[in-house]
Amino acid sequence: MSSRAANPDRRRFLAIAATATAAPFLARLAVPAAAAQGLPKLPLDHPQAKALAYTTDAASSRHPSFKPGSDCANCQFYTAANQGCSLFPGFSVEPKGWCAAWAKKA
């Protein structure tokens, strides 16, 4: 047997190392597709939405603490990228919506 013949254990190690190195890059390709999917709309009958008097149209709000010009789009809890709100995790809210926890974006 030649001393220059490759060791089968070495080949196996290199194949596993190459696969392990490529795995994070391949996984990264799959993640944006999942992140691009939008959040489901916040249902008006959701307990948190009811507790904070959430409405999809700020102009129609009759809540005593409502201030004209305030809506989800200019609230500090709103995330424009996915129309999410940190007060309603896992749901999207209407940019023109409003709730009693509204706080002016800094």
C-alpha atoms as a PDB file:
ATOM      1  CA  MET A   1       0.000   0.000   0.000  1.00  0.00           C
ATOM      2  CA  SER A   2       1.325   3.415  -0.904  1.00  0.00           C
ATOM      3  CA  SER A   3       2.133   5.878   1.857  1.00  0.00           C
ATOM      4  CA  ARG A   4       0.563   8.608  -0.275  1.00  0.00           C
ATOM      5  CA  ALA A   5      -2.901   6.999  -0.241  1.00  0.00           C
ATOM      6  CA  ALA A   6      -5.443   9.173   1.535  1.00  0.00           C
ATOM      7  CA  ASN A   7      -6.681   7.979   4.874  1.00  0.00           C
ATOM      8  CA  PRO A   8     -10.451   7.151   4.794  1.00  0.00           C
ATOM      9  CA  ASP A   9     -10.866   8.676   8.257  1.00  0.00           C
ATOM     10  CA  ARG A  10      -9.391  11.919   7.006  1.00  0.00           C
ATOM     11  CA  ARG A  11     -11.794  11.977   4.032  1.00  0.00           C
ATOM     12  CA  ARG A  12     -14.734  11.412   6.335  1.00  0.00           C
ATOM     13  CA  PHE A  13     -13.559  14.175   8.670  1.00  0.00           C
ATOM     14  CA  LEU A  14     -13.175  16.635   5.781  1.00  0.00           C
ATOM     15  CA  ALA A  15     -16.649  15.793   4.425  1.00  0.00           C
ATOM     16  CA  ILE A  16     -18.237  16.333   7.839  1.00  0.00           C
ATOM     17  CA  ALA A  17     -16.282  19.559   8.384  1.00  0.00           C
ATOM     18  CA  ALA A  18     -17.372  20.923   4.994  1.00  0.00           C
ATOM     19  CA  THR A  19     -21.013  20.076   5.711  1.00  0.00           C
ATOM     20  CA  ALA A  20     -20.857  21.636   9.172  1.00  0.00           C
ATOM     21  CA  THR A  21     -19.278  24.775   7.742  1.00  0.00           C
ATOM     22  CA  ALA A  22     -21.911  25.149   5.028  1.00  0.00           C
ATOM     23  CA  ALA A  23     -24.928  24.433   7.262  1.00  0.00           C
ATOM     24  CA  PRO A  24     -25.245  27.916   8.853  1.00  0.00           C
ATOM     25  CA  PHE A  25     -25.080  29.597   5.436  1.00  0.00           C
ATOM     26  CA  LEU A  26     -27.752  27.294   4.042  1.00  0.00           C
ATOM     27  CA  ALA A  27     -29.934  27.840   7.095  1.00  0.00           C
ATOM     28  CA  ARG A  28     -29.596  31.597   6.668  1.00  0.00           C
ATOM     29  CA  LEU A  29     -31.080  31.296   3.186  1.00  0.00           C
ATOM     30  CA  ALA A  30     -34.217  29.661   4.600  1.00  0.00           C
ATOM     31  CA  VAL A  31     -34.803  32.230   7.362  1.00  0.00           C
ATOM     32  CA  PRO A  32     -35.649  35.321   5.254  1.00  0.00           C
ATOM     33  CA  ALA A  33     -38.528  33.470   3.639  1.00  0.00           C
ATOM     34  CA  ALA A  34     -40.017  32.797   7.040  1.00  0.00           C
ATOM     35  CA  ALA A  35     -39.360  36.336   8.271  1.00  0.00           C
ATOM     36  CA  ALA A  36     -40.952  37.831   5.170  1.00  0.00           C
ATOM     37  CA  GLN A  37     -44.289  36.299   6.042  1.00  0.00           C
ATOM     38  CA  GLY A  38     -46.455  38.892   7.720  1.00  0.00           C
ATOM     39  CA  LEU A  39     -47.865  38.708  11.205  1.00  0.00           C
ATOM     40  CA  PRO A  40     -51.570  37.919  11.561  1.00  0.00           C
ATOM     41  CA  LYS A  41     -53.833  40.914  12.196  1.00  0.00           C
ATOM     42  CA  LEU A  42     -54.737  41.605  15.804  1.00  0.00           C
ATOM     43  CA  PRO A  43     -58.356  40.503  16.350  1.00  0.00           C
ATOM     44  CA  LEU A  44     -60.524  43.130  18.022  1.00  0.00           C
ATOM     45  CA  ASP A  45     -61.852  40.500  20.429  1.00  0.00           C
ATOM     46  CA  HIS A  46     -58.341  39.671  21.711  1.00  0.00           C
ATOM     47  CA  PRO A  47     -58.269  40.213  25.517  1.00  0.00           C
ATOM     48  CA  GLN A  48     -55.257  42.565  25.385  1.00  0.00           C
ATOM     49  CA  ALA A  49     -56.861  44.551  22.552  1.00  0.00           C
ATOM     50  CA  LYS A  50     -60.056  44.903  24.563  1.00  0.00           C
ATOM     51  CA  ALA A  51     -58.175  45.915  27.710  1.00  0.00           C
ATOM     52  CA  LEU A  52     -56.324  48.675  25.838  1.00  0.00           C
ATOM     53  CA  ALA A  53     -59.373  49.788  23.802  1.00  0.00           C
ATOM     54  CA  TYR A  54     -57.592  49.039  20.496  1.00  0.00           C
ATOM     55  CA  THR A  55     -59.318  50.279  17.384  1.00  0.00           C
ATOM     56  CA  THR A  56     -58.250  49.889  13.752  1.00  0.00           C
ATOM     57  CA  ASP A  57     -59.168  53.509  12.971  1.00  0.00           C
ATOM     58  CA  ALA A  58     -57.842  56.137  15.366  1.00  0.00           C
ATOM     59  CA  ALA A  59     -60.219  58.781  14.034  1.00  0.00           C
ATOM     60  CA  SER A  60     -63.197  56.736  15.252  1.00  0.00           C
ATOM     61  CA  SER A  61     -61.876  56.415  18.814  1.00  0.00           C
ATOM     62  CA  ARG A  62     -64.081  57.839  21.561  1.00  0.00           C
ATOM     63  CA  HIS A  63     -61.670  56.956  24.384  1.00  0.00           C
ATOM     64  CA  PRO A  64     -61.151  59.812  26.896  1.00  0.00           C
ATOM     65  CA  SER A  65     -57.347  59.674  26.593  1.00  0.00           C
ATOM     66  CA  PHE A  66     -57.342  59.818  22.781  1.00  0.00           C
ATOM     67  CA  LYS A  67     -55.503  62.820  21.351  1.00  0.00           C
ATOM     68  CA  PRO A  68     -56.113  63.837  17.724  1.00  0.00           C
ATOM     69  CA  GLY A  69     -53.131  62.963  15.541  1.00  0.00           C
ATOM     70  CA  SER A  70     -52.087  59.965  17.632  1.00  0.00           C
ATOM     71  CA  ASP A  71     -52.074  56.581  15.921  1.00  0.00           C
ATOM     72  CA  CYS A  72     -50.041  53.384  15.843  1.00  0.00           C
ATOM     73  CA  ALA A  73     -47.687  54.707  13.152  1.00  0.00           C
ATOM     74  CA  ASN A  74     -46.390  57.438  15.472  1.00  0.00           C
ATOM     75  CA  CYS A  75     -46.338  55.345  18.671  1.00  0.00           C
ATOM     76  CA  GLN A  76     -43.105  54.220  20.329  1.00  0.00           C
ATOM     77  CA  PHE A  77     -44.329  50.617  20.552  1.00  0.00           C
ATOM     78  CA  TYR A  78     -44.986  50.297  16.791  1.00  0.00           C
ATOM     79  CA  THR A  79     -42.567  48.555  14.396  1.00  0.00           C
ATOM     80  CA  ALA A  80     -43.094  49.706  10.815  1.00  0.00           C
ATOM     81  CA  ALA A  81     -41.122  46.834   9.241  1.00  0.00           C
ATOM     82  CA  ASN A  82     -43.759  44.233  10.102  1.00  0.00           C
ATOM     83  CA  GLN A  83     -46.557  46.480  11.411  1.00  0.00           C
ATOM     84  CA  GLY A  84     -46.007  44.844  14.791  1.00  0.00           C
ATOM     85  CA  CYS A  85     -46.550  46.276  18.234  1.00  0.00           C
ATOM     86  CA  SER A  86     -44.574  45.275  21.295  1.00  0.00           C
ATOM     87  CA  LEU A  87     -47.802  45.420  23.328  1.00  0.00           C
ATOM     88  CA  PHE A  88     -49.402  42.793  21.088  1.00  0.00           C
ATOM     89  CA  PRO A  89     -46.602  40.280  20.382  1.00  0.00           C
ATOM     90  CA  GLY A  90     -47.218  37.973  17.455  1.00  0.00           C
ATOM     91  CA  PHE A  91     -49.794  40.264  15.830  1.00  0.00           C
ATOM     92  CA  SER A  92     -49.768  43.172  13.413  1.00  0.00           C
ATOM     93  CA  VAL A  93     -51.740  46.349  13.997  1.00  0.00           C
ATOM     94  CA  GLU A  94     -53.093  48.927  11.594  1.00  0.00           C
ATOM     95  CA  PRO A  95     -50.796  51.951  11.184  1.00  0.00           C
ATOM     96  CA  LYS A  96     -53.872  54.177  11.522  1.00  0.00           C
ATOM     97  CA  GLY A  97     -55.060  52.227  14.579  1.00  0.00           C
ATOM     98  CA  TRP A  98     -54.881  53.400  18.190  1.00  0.00           C
ATOM     99  CA  CYS A  99     -54.943  52.021  21.750  1.00  0.00           C
ATOM    100  CA  ALA A 100     -54.958  53.519  25.235  1.00  0.00           C
ATOM    101  CA  ALA A 101     -51.249  52.729  25.728  1.00  0.00           C
ATOM    102  CA  TRP A 102     -50.228  55.094  22.899  1.00  0.00           C
ATOM    103  CA  ALA A 103     -46.978  56.921  23.646  1.00  0.00           C
ATOM    104  CA  LYS A 104     -45.353  59.470  21.342  1.00  0.00           C
ATOM    105  CA  LYS A 105     -42.395  58.093  19.385  1.00  0.00           C
ATOM    106  CA  ALA A 106     -39.172  59.698  20.519  1.00  0.00           C
END
